Amino acid sequence: MSNVIELLEKLGSDPLLRHAADAVLEQALLEARVDPAIREALMTRDQHKLEMLLGATANVCCMIATPAQEEDDDDDEPSKDDDDDHQDGGDEKALRHAS
């Protein structure tokens, strides 16, 4: 089956081969030693038959999973208010909370 996948990749990447005459495509399939049933499906451009022969499905879902972002811990780095508290002994913060 890898030869079929390689050939499909080549067909997809080479516009001259993708749009080539049937005789050229058939020669490429013969050179790749593709199974006759698969060769027929490719020559007739029968996607469903090719999928069945390769055991593939047409339903493809592409997703990108990204890791969850960690929340910032305010405990690790002192905030500007915390720096002010340390400079004036914290009296200002205590007064704000008391009122």
Protein backbone atom coordinates (compact mmCIF):
# COMPACT_ATOMS: atom_id res chain seq x y z
CA MET A 1 0.00 0.00 0.00
CA SER A 2 2.92 2.40 0.58
CA ASN A 3 3.54 2.47 -3.16
CA VAL A 4 -0.07 3.64 -3.65
CA ILE A 5 0.34 6.39 -1.06
CA GLU A 6 3.64 7.48 -2.64
CA LEU A 7 1.98 7.57 -6.05
CA LEU A 8 -0.99 9.57 -4.73
CA GLU A 9 1.45 12.01 -3.15
CA LYS A 10 3.29 12.31 -6.46
CA LEU A 11 0.00 12.83 -8.33
CA GLY A 12 -0.96 15.58 -5.89
CA SER A 13 2.35 17.39 -6.04
CA ASP A 14 3.06 17.13 -9.79
CA PRO A 15 0.53 19.14 -11.83
CA LEU A 16 1.82 17.66 -15.10
CA LEU A 17 1.14 14.14 -13.88
CA ARG A 18 -2.15 15.07 -12.22
CA HIS A 19 -3.52 16.41 -15.51
CA ALA A 20 -1.68 13.94 -17.73
CA ALA A 21 -3.28 11.88 -20.46
CA ASP A 22 -4.68 8.50 -19.46
CA ALA A 23 -1.80 6.68 -21.16
CA VAL A 24 0.77 8.59 -19.10
CA LEU A 25 -1.16 7.98 -15.87
CA GLU A 26 -1.54 4.28 -16.66
CA GLN A 27 2.20 4.01 -17.32
CA ALA A 28 2.94 5.66 -13.96
CA LEU A 29 0.57 3.21 -12.23
CA LEU A 30 2.25 0.26 -13.92
CA GLU A 31 5.71 1.51 -12.94
CA ALA A 32 4.55 1.91 -9.34
CA ARG A 33 3.29 -1.71 -9.41
CA VAL A 34 -0.13 -0.70 -8.18
CA ASP A 35 -2.70 -3.46 -7.67
CA PRO A 36 -5.00 -3.79 -10.73
CA ALA A 37 -8.18 -2.98 -8.77
CA ILE A 38 -6.59 0.17 -7.35
CA ARG A 39 -5.21 1.03 -10.78
CA GLU A 40 -8.73 0.77 -12.23
CA ALA A 41 -10.17 2.98 -9.48
CA LEU A 42 -7.50 5.60 -10.13
CA MET A 43 -7.93 5.45 -13.90
CA THR A 44 -11.71 5.88 -13.62
CA ARG A 45 -11.26 8.47 -10.85
CA ASP A 46 -13.61 6.47 -8.62
CA GLN A 47 -12.93 7.98 -5.19
CA HIS A 48 -15.37 5.75 -3.31
CA LYS A 49 -13.93 2.56 -4.77
CA LEU A 50 -10.40 3.73 -4.00
CA GLU A 51 -11.38 4.54 -0.41
CA MET A 52 -12.94 1.11 -0.04
CA LEU A 53 -9.88 -0.66 -1.48
CA LEU A 54 -7.48 1.29 0.72
CA GLY A 55 -9.65 1.06 3.82
CA ALA A 56 -9.84 4.83 4.04
CA THR A 57 -12.74 7.10 4.83
CA ALA A 58 -13.65 10.44 3.35
CA ASN A 59 -14.50 11.93 6.73
CA VAL A 60 -11.42 13.71 7.97
CA CYS A 61 -11.29 16.03 10.92
CA CYS A 62 -8.19 18.13 11.47
CA MET A 63 -7.70 19.76 14.86
CA ILE A 64 -4.91 21.38 16.77
CA ALA A 65 -4.84 20.74 20.50
CA THR A 66 -3.16 23.42 22.56
CA PRO A 67 -2.19 22.98 26.18
CA ALA A 68 -4.29 24.79 28.74
CA GLN A 69 -2.79 28.04 29.91
CA GLU A 70 -1.81 28.12 33.54
CA GLU A 71 -3.33 30.88 35.58
CA ASP A 72 -0.90 33.46 36.91
CA ASP A 73 -0.27 33.11 40.61
CA ASP A 74 -0.21 36.54 42.24
CA ASP A 75 1.55 34.95 45.20
CA ASP A 76 4.73 34.33 43.21
CA GLU A 77 5.40 37.94 42.26
CA PRO A 78 4.56 40.84 44.52
CA SER A 79 2.24 43.41 43.04
CA LYS A 80 2.90 47.15 43.05
CA ASP A 81 0.59 47.45 46.09
CA ASP A 82 2.62 44.83 47.93
CA ASP A 83 5.81 46.77 47.20
CA ASP A 84 4.22 49.93 48.61
CA ASP A 85 3.16 48.04 51.73
CA HIS A 86 6.69 46.91 52.38
CA GLN A 87 8.04 50.44 51.98
CA ASP A 88 5.67 52.13 54.43
CA GLY A 89 5.32 49.23 56.82
CA GLY A 90 1.86 48.25 55.59
CA ASP A 91 0.09 50.92 57.64
CA GLU A 92 -1.65 52.38 54.62
CA LYS A 93 -3.06 48.99 53.58
CA ALA A 94 -4.20 48.26 57.13
CA LEU A 95 -5.98 51.61 57.25
CA ARG A 96 -7.73 50.92 53.93
CA HIS A 97 -8.99 47.55 55.17
CA ALA A 98 -10.06 48.93 58.54
CA SER A 99 -12.36 51.53 57.00
